[in-house]
Protein backbone atom coordinates (compact mmCIF):
# COMPACT_ATOMS: atom_id res chain seq x y z
CA UNK A 1 -0.13 -0.04 -0.15
CA UNK A 2 1.15 3.65 -0.98
CA UNK A 3 1.54 5.23 2.41
CA UNK A 4 -0.54 8.79 1.98
CA UNK A 5 0.74 12.27 2.24
CA UNK A 6 -0.67 14.53 5.10
CA UNK A 7 -1.65 17.78 3.77
CA UNK A 8 -1.30 19.47 6.70
CA UNK A 9 2.80 19.85 5.94
CA UNK A 10 2.15 21.35 3.07
CA UNK A 11 -1.07 23.37 2.80
CA UNK A 12 0.84 27.02 3.70
CA UNK A 13 -0.50 30.11 4.22
CA UNK A 14 0.42 32.72 2.58
CA UNK A 15 1.93 35.61 4.06
CA UNK A 16 1.39 39.18 3.48
CA UNK A 17 1.45 42.44 4.65
CA UNK A 18 -1.62 44.34 5.84
CA UNK A 19 -3.84 45.23 3.88
CA UNK A 20 -3.78 42.52 2.01
CA UNK A 21 -4.75 39.34 3.44
CA UNK A 22 -3.69 35.69 1.40
CA UNK A 23 -4.50 32.17 2.34
CA UNK A 24 -3.88 29.17 0.03
CA UNK A 25 -6.21 26.03 0.77
CA UNK A 26 -5.67 22.53 -1.15
CA UNK A 27 -8.99 21.50 -2.29
CA UNK A 28 -10.16 17.92 -3.27
CA UNK A 29 -13.30 17.67 -5.40
CA UNK A 30 -15.96 15.41 -3.32
CA UNK A 31 -18.91 13.69 -4.78
CA UNK A 32 -22.10 15.16 -4.65
CA UNK A 33 -25.49 12.26 -4.98
CA UNK A 34 -27.43 14.17 -6.95
CA UNK A 35 -26.27 12.67 -10.65
CA UNK A 36 -24.89 15.28 -12.86
CA UNK A 37 -24.24 18.02 -10.23
CA UNK A 38 -20.80 19.07 -10.38
CA UNK A 39 -17.96 17.95 -7.35
CA UNK A 40 -18.07 20.39 -4.45
CA UNK A 41 -14.46 20.93 -3.21
CA UNK A 42 -13.35 20.68 0.11
CA UNK A 43 -10.44 20.65 2.37
CA UNK A 44 -8.08 17.73 1.55
CA UNK A 45 -7.39 15.53 4.76
CA UNK A 46 -5.77 12.26 3.18
CA UNK A 47 -4.26 11.57 -0.06
CA UNK A 48 -2.06 9.45 -2.18
CA UNK A 49 0.92 9.57 -4.64
CA UNK A 50 -1.51 10.72 -7.79
CA UNK A 51 -4.66 12.35 -6.96
CA UNK A 52 -5.90 15.07 -8.37
CA UNK A 53 -6.18 18.45 -6.00
CA UNK A 54 -7.46 21.97 -6.76
CA UNK A 55 -4.49 25.21 -4.73
CA UNK A 56 -7.18 28.02 -4.40
CA UNK A 57 -5.54 31.39 -3.34
CA UNK A 58 -8.32 33.59 -1.38
CA UNK A 59 -7.29 37.17 -1.24
CA UNK A 60 -8.92 40.53 0.25
CA UNK A 61 -8.22 44.15 0.78
CA UNK A 62 -8.47 44.80 4.78
CA UNK A 63 -7.97 47.90 4.31
CA UNK A 64 -9.59 51.31 4.00
CA UNK A 65 -8.10 52.48 0.15
CA UNK A 66 -8.19 50.66 -3.05
CA UNK A 67 -5.12 47.75 -4.20
CA UNK A 68 -3.57 48.74 -8.04
CA UNK A 69 -1.08 46.93 -10.02
CA UNK A 70 -1.70 43.66 -7.47
CA UNK A 71 0.12 41.16 -8.84
CA UNK A 72 -0.59 37.43 -6.50
CA UNK A 73 2.48 35.14 -7.19
CA UNK A 74 2.59 31.84 -4.90
CA UNK A 75 5.10 28.70 -4.85
CA UNK A 76 4.25 25.17 -5.71
CA UNK A 77 3.69 23.76 -2.44
CA UNK A 78 5.62 21.32 -1.99
CA UNK A 79 4.48 17.56 -2.44
CA UNK A 80 2.05 18.59 -5.53
CA UNK A 81 2.79 18.73 -9.08
CA UNK A 82 1.18 22.19 -11.02
CA UNK A 83 -1.40 20.14 -13.71
CA UNK A 84 -2.96 23.75 -15.38
CA UNK A 85 -5.57 26.54 -14.97
CA UNK A 86 -9.14 25.76 -12.48
CA UNK A 87 -11.82 26.45 -14.90
CA UNK A 88 -13.51 28.58 -12.88
CA UNK A 89 -10.25 31.05 -12.54
CA UNK A 90 -8.18 32.92 -15.00
CA UNK A 91 -4.89 30.73 -16.13
CA UNK A 92 -1.92 31.85 -14.11
CA UNK A 93 1.71 32.76 -15.47
CA UNK A 94 4.28 29.63 -15.05
CA UNK A 95 7.68 29.51 -13.57
CA UNK A 96 10.66 26.87 -13.40
CA UNK A 97 12.54 29.37 -11.22
CA UNK A 98 10.74 31.65 -9.77
CA UNK A 99 12.19 34.26 -11.98
CA UNK A 100 11.14 34.06 -15.32
CA UNK A 101 7.65 33.71 -16.17
CA UNK A 102 5.50 32.95 -18.69
CA UNK A 103 3.03 30.06 -20.36
CA UNK A 104 4.49 26.86 -19.88
CA UNK A 105 5.53 26.75 -23.93
CA UNK A 106 7.75 29.39 -23.43
CA UNK A 107 9.63 28.32 -20.37
CA UNK A 108 12.78 25.92 -20.80
CA UNK A 109 15.00 24.44 -18.06
CA UNK A 110 18.38 24.54 -17.74
CA UNK A 111 20.11 20.98 -18.00
CA UNK A 112 23.19 20.42 -15.91
CA UNK A 113 25.45 19.42 -19.05
CA UNK A 114 24.34 22.63 -20.37
CA UNK A 115 21.67 23.80 -22.63
CA UNK A 116 17.75 23.63 -22.39
CA UNK A 117 14.85 21.73 -22.54
CA UNK A 118 11.24 22.87 -22.60
CA UNK A 119 9.37 22.65 -19.31
CA UNK A 120 6.53 20.32 -18.48
CA UNK A 121 3.92 20.79 -15.93
CA UNK A 122 6.01 18.67 -13.13
CA UNK A 123 9.19 21.65 -13.52
CA UNK A 124 6.70 24.49 -12.46
CA UNK A 125 8.12 25.54 -9.31
CA UNK A 126 5.52 29.46 -9.14
CA UNK A 127 2.46 30.46 -10.14
CA UNK A 128 1.04 33.99 -10.44
CA UNK A 129 -1.42 36.25 -11.33
CA UNK A 130 -1.65 39.78 -12.14
CA UNK A 131 -4.97 41.71 -11.82
CA UNK A 132 -5.78 44.17 -14.27
CA UNK A 133 -8.41 45.80 -12.04
CA UNK A 134 -8.18 47.43 -9.10
CA UNK A 135 -8.89 45.66 -6.32
CA UNK A 136 -11.45 48.46 -3.73
CA UNK A 137 -11.46 48.29 0.26
CA UNK A 138 -13.01 44.87 1.48
CA UNK A 139 -12.65 43.51 -2.09
CA UNK A 140 -11.90 39.96 -2.10
CA UNK A 141 -11.43 36.94 -4.54
CA UNK A 142 -10.20 33.69 -5.34
CA UNK A 143 -7.69 31.90 -7.54
CA UNK A 144 -7.11 28.88 -8.68
CA UNK A 145 -5.32 26.38 -10.15
CA UNK A 146 -4.96 22.01 -10.80
CA UNK A 147 -2.55 19.74 -8.73
CA UNK A 148 -1.29 16.58 -8.26
CA UNK A 149 0.10 14.65 -5.47
CA UNK A 150 3.41 13.46 -5.89
């Protein structure tokens, strides 16, 4: 039997200076009894390698003024591999080194002996979203992407 991975060890709340509050949650799809109904997302408790998950970044402006030019970057939680954008969320920019961001097709990974190879979803180390509109005081939102337990 493959041992389970405790997500308590990899679910890390993002820390940010006031007035922006960030929280990262690791969610699993829970089946529903109604035929044709979409699965419900709930906090993941126990997982096995290969289990699909959704990583959600919730953000809220707790200040009195709007925040403009907001860029929300998140490292990939340890033990998870990126699999794609969550359909209900805009696609994030991706990075394989935490410095260069773009679409997966534009990223490369340096090889030990020199040269590069095209990046794969397993190489993603960070995700990032740029909010084009100002986040008003009291405003909030959620962004998400799909992942799998390594």
